[in-house]
Amino acid sequence: MKTTPLYQNHLNMGAKMVDFAGYLMPLSYTSIEDEHHAVRHQAGYFDVSHMGEILVEGKGATAFIEKVFTNQLPGLNQARYGLLLKNDGMPVDDVLVYRLGQEKYWIVCNASNIQKVMEHLQNIPFEGTLKDLSESIAMVALQGPKAQAILEAIVNLDCEMKRYTFKEAEYLGDPLLISRTGYTGEDGFEVYGEESLIIEFWKALAAFEEAWPCGLGARDTLRFEAGYPLFGHEILHFLTPQSSGLSMFIDYTRTDTYGIKALLEEQEKGLQEIIVGVELCDKGIIREGYGLYVGDTRIGEVTTGYKLRHFEFAKALAFVKMPYTAVGTEIEAEIREKRVKAKVIPYPFYQKLKKKKVEA
């Protein structure tokens, strides 16, 4: 089992540790719901050092990114969210692409997909350099309405920047990359640096009363509430990202990009199922894998479900087949061999007005 550089810090802070993508990671320190609400109302910080960072640099790097990345390319000191696809349109991973220089990029990918992403990229002709930096870079996400004030107090830098942009900073004499990104639906930052430096940065965060250490549990409830998909749940290797509600992150004009032609062909045929929001109409808890029905017809399956204390009834994200995807459609969820009434509802279930938007 792998550990991140912050492993001992988690143990010292009393974290409950679990296996995640081959890493021992903190599930929670106090409770998932307390950590969830800390991020919504104050600030929370997460160890995300298990994520992968792949350097793409050298001759033809920009053309290479155009070939593999579904979204428009970021400008200098910008990042963009999108996907890496196989030629058949199926996802290799959902990623962030950072533009560090004219011909220098980072691809930040999910921990469970690092090897798969590297193999995919290595099979595409490229004259420059591909290098997996994951073992040498650590990363902390600081999220919540008080995140900027806390970060500025630590690094002594104006961190006012637009979403999906980043700054390079110095902390204790060494470089940090500070990115205004995150996966909680809240304003915040992701901070990258050399392992020993991130350990010191984590210790500095722990000194702030308004900042809560948070584990994977709250990270999942926060991204779920905000309607953000997770690979292996709402993003599946056998369904195109169009079914996962990710069409906004696909530049359909770039037909030379891997997978785009297949997605255009799928559009012509029509999607068979898509991600929707679901809510129970009575008490109960809905979990991943629960079947959804209309009469005797199984019309879908839950990908993520929670009953958070501020929800009146449990909610879920689920793949549902056409034509049962319209908001208001009455369905049933099978919970422990018992059918419970439910309905299709809009998602995300939480949406914060974001004033800072990435520039075109």
Protein backbone atom coordinates (compact mmCIF):
# COMPACT_ATOMS: atom_id res chain seq x y z
CA MET A 1 0.00 0.00 0.00
CA LYS A 2 1.41 3.40 -0.97
CA THR A 3 1.38 6.46 1.26
CA THR A 4 1.67 10.17 0.50
CA PRO A 5 4.34 12.41 2.09
CA LEU A 6 1.66 13.62 4.54
CA TYR A 7 0.86 10.13 5.87
CA GLN A 8 2.45 10.63 9.29
CA ASN A 9 0.69 14.00 9.63
CA HIS A 10 -2.66 12.27 9.09
CA LEU A 11 -1.89 9.73 11.79
CA ASN A 12 -0.77 12.46 14.20
CA MET A 13 -4.08 14.29 13.61
CA GLY A 14 -6.16 11.19 14.34
CA ALA A 15 -7.38 10.51 10.81
CA LYS A 16 -9.30 7.36 9.97
CA MET A 17 -7.26 5.81 7.13
CA VAL A 18 -8.65 3.78 4.22
CA ASP A 19 -7.43 2.25 0.98
CA PHE A 20 -8.02 4.50 -2.03
CA ALA A 21 -6.50 3.77 -5.46
CA GLY A 22 -3.72 1.80 -3.77
CA TYR A 23 -2.92 4.57 -1.27
CA LEU A 24 -3.62 4.76 2.46
CA MET A 25 -5.60 8.01 2.62
CA PRO A 26 -7.61 9.82 5.33
CA LEU A 27 -11.36 9.16 5.16
CA SER A 28 -12.11 11.72 7.88
CA TYR A 29 -10.63 13.37 10.96
CA THR A 30 -13.81 14.32 12.86
CA SER A 31 -16.89 13.45 10.80
CA ILE A 32 -17.62 13.63 7.08
CA GLU A 33 -20.56 15.98 7.56
CA ASP A 34 -18.64 18.36 9.86
CA GLU A 35 -15.79 18.53 7.34
CA HIS A 36 -18.28 19.03 4.49
CA HIS A 37 -19.87 22.01 6.25
CA ALA A 38 -16.48 23.44 7.20
CA VAL A 39 -15.61 23.73 3.50
CA ARG A 40 -18.97 25.32 2.68
CA HIS A 41 -18.76 27.92 5.46
CA GLN A 42 -15.08 28.31 6.44
CA ALA A 43 -12.22 26.39 4.81
CA GLY A 44 -11.01 22.85 4.51
CA TYR A 45 -7.70 21.41 3.34
CA PHE A 46 -7.19 18.03 1.68
CA ASP A 47 -4.18 15.87 0.89
CA VAL A 48 -4.40 15.17 -2.85
CA SER A 49 -0.77 14.15 -3.29
CA HIS A 50 -1.88 10.83 -4.76
CA MET A 51 -2.91 12.60 -7.98
CA GLY A 52 -0.67 12.20 -11.01
CA GLU A 53 1.36 14.95 -12.72
CA ILE A 54 2.77 14.29 -16.19
CA LEU A 55 5.11 16.76 -17.88
CA VAL A 56 4.70 17.30 -21.63
CA GLU A 57 7.56 19.44 -22.91
CA GLY A 58 9.56 20.21 -26.01
CA LYS A 59 9.12 20.34 -29.76
CA GLY A 60 5.50 19.82 -30.78
CA ALA A 61 4.10 19.86 -27.22
CA THR A 62 1.22 22.20 -28.14
CA ALA A 63 0.28 20.14 -31.19
CA PHE A 64 0.46 17.00 -29.04
CA ILE A 65 -1.93 18.43 -26.42
CA GLU A 66 -4.30 19.48 -29.22
CA LYS A 67 -4.24 15.89 -30.43
CA VAL A 68 -5.11 14.29 -27.08
CA PHE A 69 -7.13 16.84 -25.05
CA THR A 70 -10.84 17.40 -25.71
CA ASN A 71 -11.12 21.00 -24.51
CA GLN A 72 -9.60 24.19 -25.88
CA LEU A 73 -5.99 24.64 -24.91
CA PRO A 74 -5.22 26.84 -21.92
CA GLY A 75 -3.29 30.05 -22.35
CA LEU A 76 -0.07 30.74 -20.47
CA ASN A 77 -0.58 30.44 -16.70
CA GLN A 78 -4.01 28.93 -17.27
CA ALA A 79 -5.50 25.50 -16.68
CA ARG A 80 -8.44 23.77 -18.33
CA TYR A 81 -10.52 20.76 -17.43
CA GLY A 82 -11.23 18.15 -20.09
CA LEU A 83 -10.68 14.54 -21.08
CA LEU A 84 -8.26 12.20 -22.75
CA LEU A 85 -10.14 9.85 -25.08
CA LYS A 86 -9.40 6.76 -27.07
CA ASN A 87 -10.26 6.84 -30.76
CA ASP A 88 -13.61 5.18 -30.05
CA GLY A 89 -14.60 8.10 -27.82
CA MET A 90 -14.26 6.21 -24.54
CA PRO A 91 -12.44 8.03 -21.72
CA VAL A 92 -8.90 7.28 -20.64
CA ASP A 93 -9.25 9.83 -17.82
CA ASP A 94 -10.60 13.25 -16.96
CA VAL A 95 -7.73 15.66 -16.42
CA LEU A 96 -6.57 19.20 -15.81
CA VAL A 97 -4.08 20.57 -18.34
CA TYR A 98 -1.78 23.39 -17.15
CA ARG A 99 0.17 25.52 -19.62
CA LEU A 100 3.47 26.32 -17.94
CA GLY A 101 5.25 27.70 -21.04
CA GLN A 102 5.00 27.98 -24.82
CA GLU A 103 5.79 24.28 -25.27
CA LYS A 104 5.47 23.07 -21.69
CA TYR A 105 2.38 21.52 -20.08
CA TRP A 106 1.31 19.51 -17.05
CA ILE A 107 -1.40 16.89 -17.29
CA VAL A 108 -2.89 16.25 -13.84
CA CYS A 109 -4.73 12.92 -13.76
CA ASN A 110 -6.44 10.60 -11.29
CA ALA A 111 -4.22 8.43 -9.11
CA SER A 112 -5.81 5.19 -10.30
CA ASN A 113 -5.16 6.10 -13.95
CA ILE A 114 -1.54 7.33 -13.92
CA GLN A 115 -0.12 4.25 -15.62
CA LYS A 116 -3.00 4.04 -18.07
CA VAL A 117 -2.61 7.70 -19.03
CA MET A 118 1.15 7.33 -19.52
CA GLU A 119 0.69 4.27 -21.74
CA HIS A 120 -1.96 6.08 -23.78
CA LEU A 121 0.26 9.12 -24.31
CA GLN A 122 3.36 7.07 -25.10
CA ASN A 123 1.50 5.37 -27.96
CA ILE A 124 0.98 8.71 -29.72
CA PRO A 125 3.86 10.10 -31.84
CA PHE A 126 5.65 12.99 -30.09
CA GLU A 127 9.13 14.46 -30.56
CA GLY A 128 9.30 16.06 -27.12
CA THR A 129 9.49 14.65 -23.59
CA LEU A 130 6.87 12.83 -21.54
CA LYS A 131 7.80 12.45 -17.87
CA ASP A 132 5.81 11.16 -14.92
CA LEU A 133 6.49 13.56 -12.02
CA SER A 134 3.92 12.05 -9.66
CA GLU A 135 6.42 10.64 -7.16
CA SER A 136 8.23 13.95 -6.70
CA ILE A 137 5.30 16.39 -6.46
CA ALA A 138 2.87 16.69 -3.54
CA MET A 139 -0.39 18.60 -3.58
CA VAL A 140 -2.85 20.12 -1.11
CA ALA A 141 -6.31 21.50 -1.93
CA LEU A 142 -7.48 24.44 0.21
CA GLN A 143 -11.19 25.09 -0.36
CA GLY A 144 -13.89 27.31 1.08
CA PRO A 145 -14.89 30.98 1.48
CA LYS A 146 -11.94 31.71 3.81
CA ALA A 147 -9.39 29.88 1.66
CA GLN A 148 -7.91 32.98 0.00
CA ALA A 149 -7.32 34.87 3.25
CA ILE A 150 -5.64 31.84 4.84
CA LEU A 151 -3.46 31.18 1.81
CA GLU A 152 -2.34 34.81 1.56
CA ALA A 153 -1.40 34.83 5.25
CA ILE A 154 0.86 31.81 4.70
CA VAL A 155 2.59 32.65 1.43
CA ASN A 156 2.57 36.47 1.78
CA LEU A 157 1.28 36.86 -1.78
CA ASP A 158 -1.80 38.43 -3.37
CA CYS A 159 -3.73 35.33 -4.46
CA GLU A 160 -6.52 37.24 -6.19
CA MET A 161 -6.75 35.49 -9.55
CA LYS A 162 -9.40 34.21 -11.91
CA ARG A 163 -10.66 30.64 -11.81
CA TYR A 164 -8.49 28.21 -13.76
CA THR A 165 -5.41 30.41 -13.60
CA PHE A 166 -2.29 29.96 -11.49
CA LYS A 167 0.68 31.80 -10.03
CA GLU A 168 4.14 30.65 -9.13
CA ALA A 169 5.11 31.62 -5.58
CA GLU A 170 7.96 31.13 -3.14
CA TYR A 171 7.47 29.59 0.30
CA LEU A 172 10.35 29.01 2.73
CA GLY A 173 12.71 29.72 -0.15
CA ASP A 174 11.31 27.06 -2.49
CA PRO A 175 8.79 27.27 -5.37
CA LEU A 176 5.06 26.54 -5.13
CA LEU A 177 2.50 26.52 -7.91
CA ILE A 178 -0.81 27.98 -6.69
CA SER A 179 -3.82 27.21 -8.88
CA ARG A 180 -7.34 28.60 -8.42
CA THR A 181 -8.99 25.27 -9.00
CA GLY A 182 -10.72 22.58 -6.98
CA TYR A 183 -13.36 19.88 -7.05
CA THR A 184 -15.69 20.86 -4.22
CA GLY A 185 -17.99 23.42 -5.84
CA GLU A 186 -16.50 26.01 -3.50
CA ASP A 187 -13.94 28.71 -4.22
CA GLY A 188 -10.42 27.63 -3.46
CA PHE A 189 -6.93 26.63 -4.51
CA GLU A 190 -4.75 23.64 -5.28
CA VAL A 191 -1.12 24.01 -4.23
CA TYR A 192 1.70 21.96 -5.77
CA GLY A 193 5.25 21.67 -4.52
CA GLU A 194 8.19 19.46 -3.60
CA GLU A 195 7.26 16.90 -0.94
CA SER A 196 9.09 18.37 2.06
CA LEU A 197 7.76 21.84 1.28
CA ILE A 198 4.14 20.63 1.15
CA ILE A 199 4.62 19.01 4.56
CA GLU A 200 5.60 22.43 5.96
CA PHE A 201 2.68 24.05 4.13
CA TRP A 202 0.29 21.51 5.69
CA LYS A 203 1.66 22.33 9.16
CA ALA A 204 1.06 26.03 8.49
CA LEU A 205 -2.56 25.33 7.51
CA ALA A 206 -3.08 23.39 10.75
CA ALA A 207 -2.34 26.55 12.75
CA PHE A 208 -5.51 28.27 11.48
CA GLU A 209 -8.63 27.70 13.56
CA GLU A 210 -10.88 28.37 10.55
CA ALA A 211 -9.15 25.67 8.46
CA TRP A 212 -10.26 22.07 8.93
CA PRO A 213 -8.32 19.02 7.77
CA CYS A 214 -10.67 17.05 5.54
CA GLY A 215 -10.64 13.52 4.20
CA LEU A 216 -11.88 11.62 1.18
CA GLY A 217 -15.39 11.36 2.64
CA ALA A 218 -16.05 15.09 2.57
CA ARG A 219 -14.26 15.42 -0.75
CA ASP A 220 -16.78 12.96 -2.20
CA THR A 221 -19.89 14.51 -0.64
CA LEU A 222 -18.79 17.99 -1.73
CA ARG A 223 -18.11 17.04 -5.36
CA PHE A 224 -21.34 14.99 -5.43
CA GLU A 225 -23.41 17.92 -4.13
CA ALA A 226 -21.80 20.19 -6.74
CA GLY A 227 -22.58 17.68 -9.50
CA TYR A 228 -18.95 16.94 -10.36
CA PRO A 229 -18.39 13.46 -11.83
CA LEU A 230 -15.84 11.01 -10.48
CA PHE A 231 -13.97 8.54 -12.65
CA GLY A 232 -15.26 5.03 -11.99
CA HIS A 233 -18.64 6.37 -10.90
CA GLU A 234 -20.10 8.98 -13.28
CA ILE A 235 -17.23 8.64 -15.77
CA LEU A 236 -16.91 5.06 -16.99
CA HIS A 237 -14.46 3.53 -19.44
CA PHE A 238 -17.29 2.00 -21.48
CA LEU A 239 -19.48 5.11 -21.84
CA THR A 240 -18.56 8.29 -23.71
CA PRO A 241 -18.30 11.56 -21.76
CA GLN A 242 -21.44 12.78 -23.50
CA SER A 243 -23.43 10.31 -21.39
CA SER A 244 -21.64 11.70 -18.31
CA GLY A 245 -22.83 15.25 -18.98
CA LEU A 246 -19.39 16.52 -20.01
CA SER A 247 -20.15 17.85 -23.50
CA MET A 248 -19.25 21.39 -22.39
CA PHE A 249 -15.63 20.26 -22.04
CA ILE A 250 -15.40 18.98 -25.60
CA ASP A 251 -14.35 21.11 -28.59
CA TYR A 252 -16.24 19.37 -31.37
CA THR A 253 -14.56 21.48 -34.06
CA ARG A 254 -11.21 19.71 -33.49
CA THR A 255 -11.98 16.53 -35.41
CA ASP A 256 -8.29 15.51 -35.41
CA THR A 257 -8.38 15.13 -31.62
CA TYR A 258 -8.60 11.54 -30.44
CA GLY A 259 -12.21 10.43 -30.00
CA ILE A 260 -13.99 13.52 -31.38
CA LYS A 261 -15.17 11.86 -34.59
CA ALA A 262 -16.64 8.98 -32.59
CA LEU A 263 -18.50 11.43 -30.37
CA LEU A 264 -19.97 13.20 -33.40
CA GLU A 265 -21.13 9.85 -34.75
CA GLU A 266 -22.75 9.03 -31.41
CA GLN A 267 -24.59 12.35 -31.48
CA GLU A 268 -26.11 11.46 -34.83
CA LYS A 269 -27.34 8.13 -33.50
CA GLY A 270 -28.54 9.59 -30.20
CA LEU A 271 -27.46 8.84 -26.63
CA GLN A 272 -28.91 5.75 -24.96
CA GLU A 273 -28.48 6.91 -21.34
CA ILE A 274 -27.28 9.98 -19.43
CA ILE A 275 -26.47 11.09 -15.89
CA VAL A 276 -29.42 12.62 -14.03
CA GLY A 277 -30.24 13.70 -10.51
CA VAL A 278 -32.54 11.47 -8.45
CA GLU A 279 -34.33 12.10 -5.17
CA LEU A 280 -36.21 9.67 -2.95
CA CYS A 281 -39.79 10.68 -2.15
CA ASP A 282 -39.68 9.11 1.32
CA LYS A 283 -37.19 8.29 4.06
CA GLY A 284 -34.31 6.04 3.14
CA ILE A 285 -30.70 6.01 1.96
CA ILE A 286 -29.75 5.44 -1.66
CA ARG A 287 -26.36 3.98 -2.53
CA GLU A 288 -24.12 3.30 -5.49
CA GLY A 289 -25.28 0.26 -7.48
CA TYR A 290 -28.95 0.46 -6.50
CA GLY A 291 -31.24 -0.24 -9.45
CA LEU A 292 -33.84 2.22 -10.74
CA TYR A 293 -37.12 1.04 -12.24
CA VAL A 294 -40.30 2.07 -14.00
CA GLY A 295 -42.67 -0.83 -13.49
CA ASP A 296 -40.78 -4.03 -14.27
CA THR A 297 -38.27 -2.22 -16.50
CA ARG A 298 -34.83 -1.50 -15.05
CA ILE A 299 -34.11 1.97 -16.41
CA GLY A 300 -30.91 2.91 -14.58
CA GLU A 301 -28.40 2.53 -11.77
CA VAL A 302 -27.17 4.84 -9.02
CA THR A 303 -23.55 5.96 -9.34
CA THR A 304 -23.32 8.01 -6.11
CA GLY A 305 -25.92 8.59 -3.42
CA TYR A 306 -26.05 10.36 -0.04
CA LYS A 307 -28.45 11.52 2.64
CA LEU A 308 -26.75 14.67 3.95
CA ARG A 309 -28.26 16.33 6.99
CA HIS A 310 -29.34 19.42 5.05
CA PHE A 311 -31.21 17.27 2.49
CA GLU A 312 -34.86 16.58 3.28
CA PHE A 313 -34.61 13.31 1.33
CA ALA A 314 -31.68 11.30 0.00
CA LYS A 315 -30.33 12.30 -3.40
CA ALA A 316 -28.27 10.51 -6.01
CA LEU A 317 -26.55 10.77 -9.35
CA ALA A 318 -27.50 7.94 -11.69
CA PHE A 319 -27.26 6.74 -15.26
CA VAL A 320 -30.80 6.54 -16.61
CA LYS A 321 -31.92 5.27 -20.00
CA MET A 322 -33.88 7.28 -22.51
CA PRO A 323 -36.74 8.23 -22.43
CA TYR A 324 -36.92 8.31 -18.62
CA THR A 325 -34.52 11.22 -18.07
CA ALA A 326 -36.90 14.20 -18.00
CA VAL A 327 -37.05 16.17 -14.73
CA GLY A 328 -40.12 15.10 -12.79
CA THR A 329 -40.24 11.55 -14.16
CA GLU A 330 -41.57 9.23 -11.45
CA ILE A 331 -39.40 6.16 -10.88
CA GLU A 332 -38.60 3.66 -8.14
CA ALA A 333 -35.34 2.77 -6.44
CA GLU A 334 -34.74 -0.78 -5.28
CA ILE A 335 -33.34 -0.63 -1.75
CA ARG A 336 -32.71 -3.97 -0.04
CA GLU A 337 -35.19 -5.73 -2.33
CA LYS A 338 -37.86 -3.13 -1.58
CA ARG A 339 -39.07 -0.50 -4.03
CA VAL A 340 -39.10 3.12 -2.83
CA LYS A 341 -40.70 5.95 -4.82
CA ALA A 342 -38.29 8.45 -6.35
CA LYS A 343 -38.16 11.07 -9.08
CA VAL A 344 -35.74 12.63 -11.53
CA ILE A 345 -34.61 16.08 -10.36
CA PRO A 346 -32.18 18.74 -11.66
CA TYR A 347 -28.55 18.66 -10.58
CA PRO A 348 -26.16 20.00 -9.29
CA PHE A 349 -27.73 20.01 -5.84
CA TYR A 350 -25.53 22.93 -4.76
CA GLN A 351 -24.27 25.78 -6.88
CA LYS A 352 -22.21 28.69 -5.64
CA LEU A 353 -22.12 31.82 -7.78
CA LYS A 354 -18.56 32.07 -9.06
CA LYS A 355 -17.49 35.63 -9.78
CA LYS A 356 -14.09 34.71 -11.17
CA LYS A 357 -14.28 33.04 -14.57
CA VAL A 358 -11.46 31.93 -16.80
CA GLU A 359 -10.66 34.32 -19.62
CA ALA A 360 -10.97 33.01 -23.17
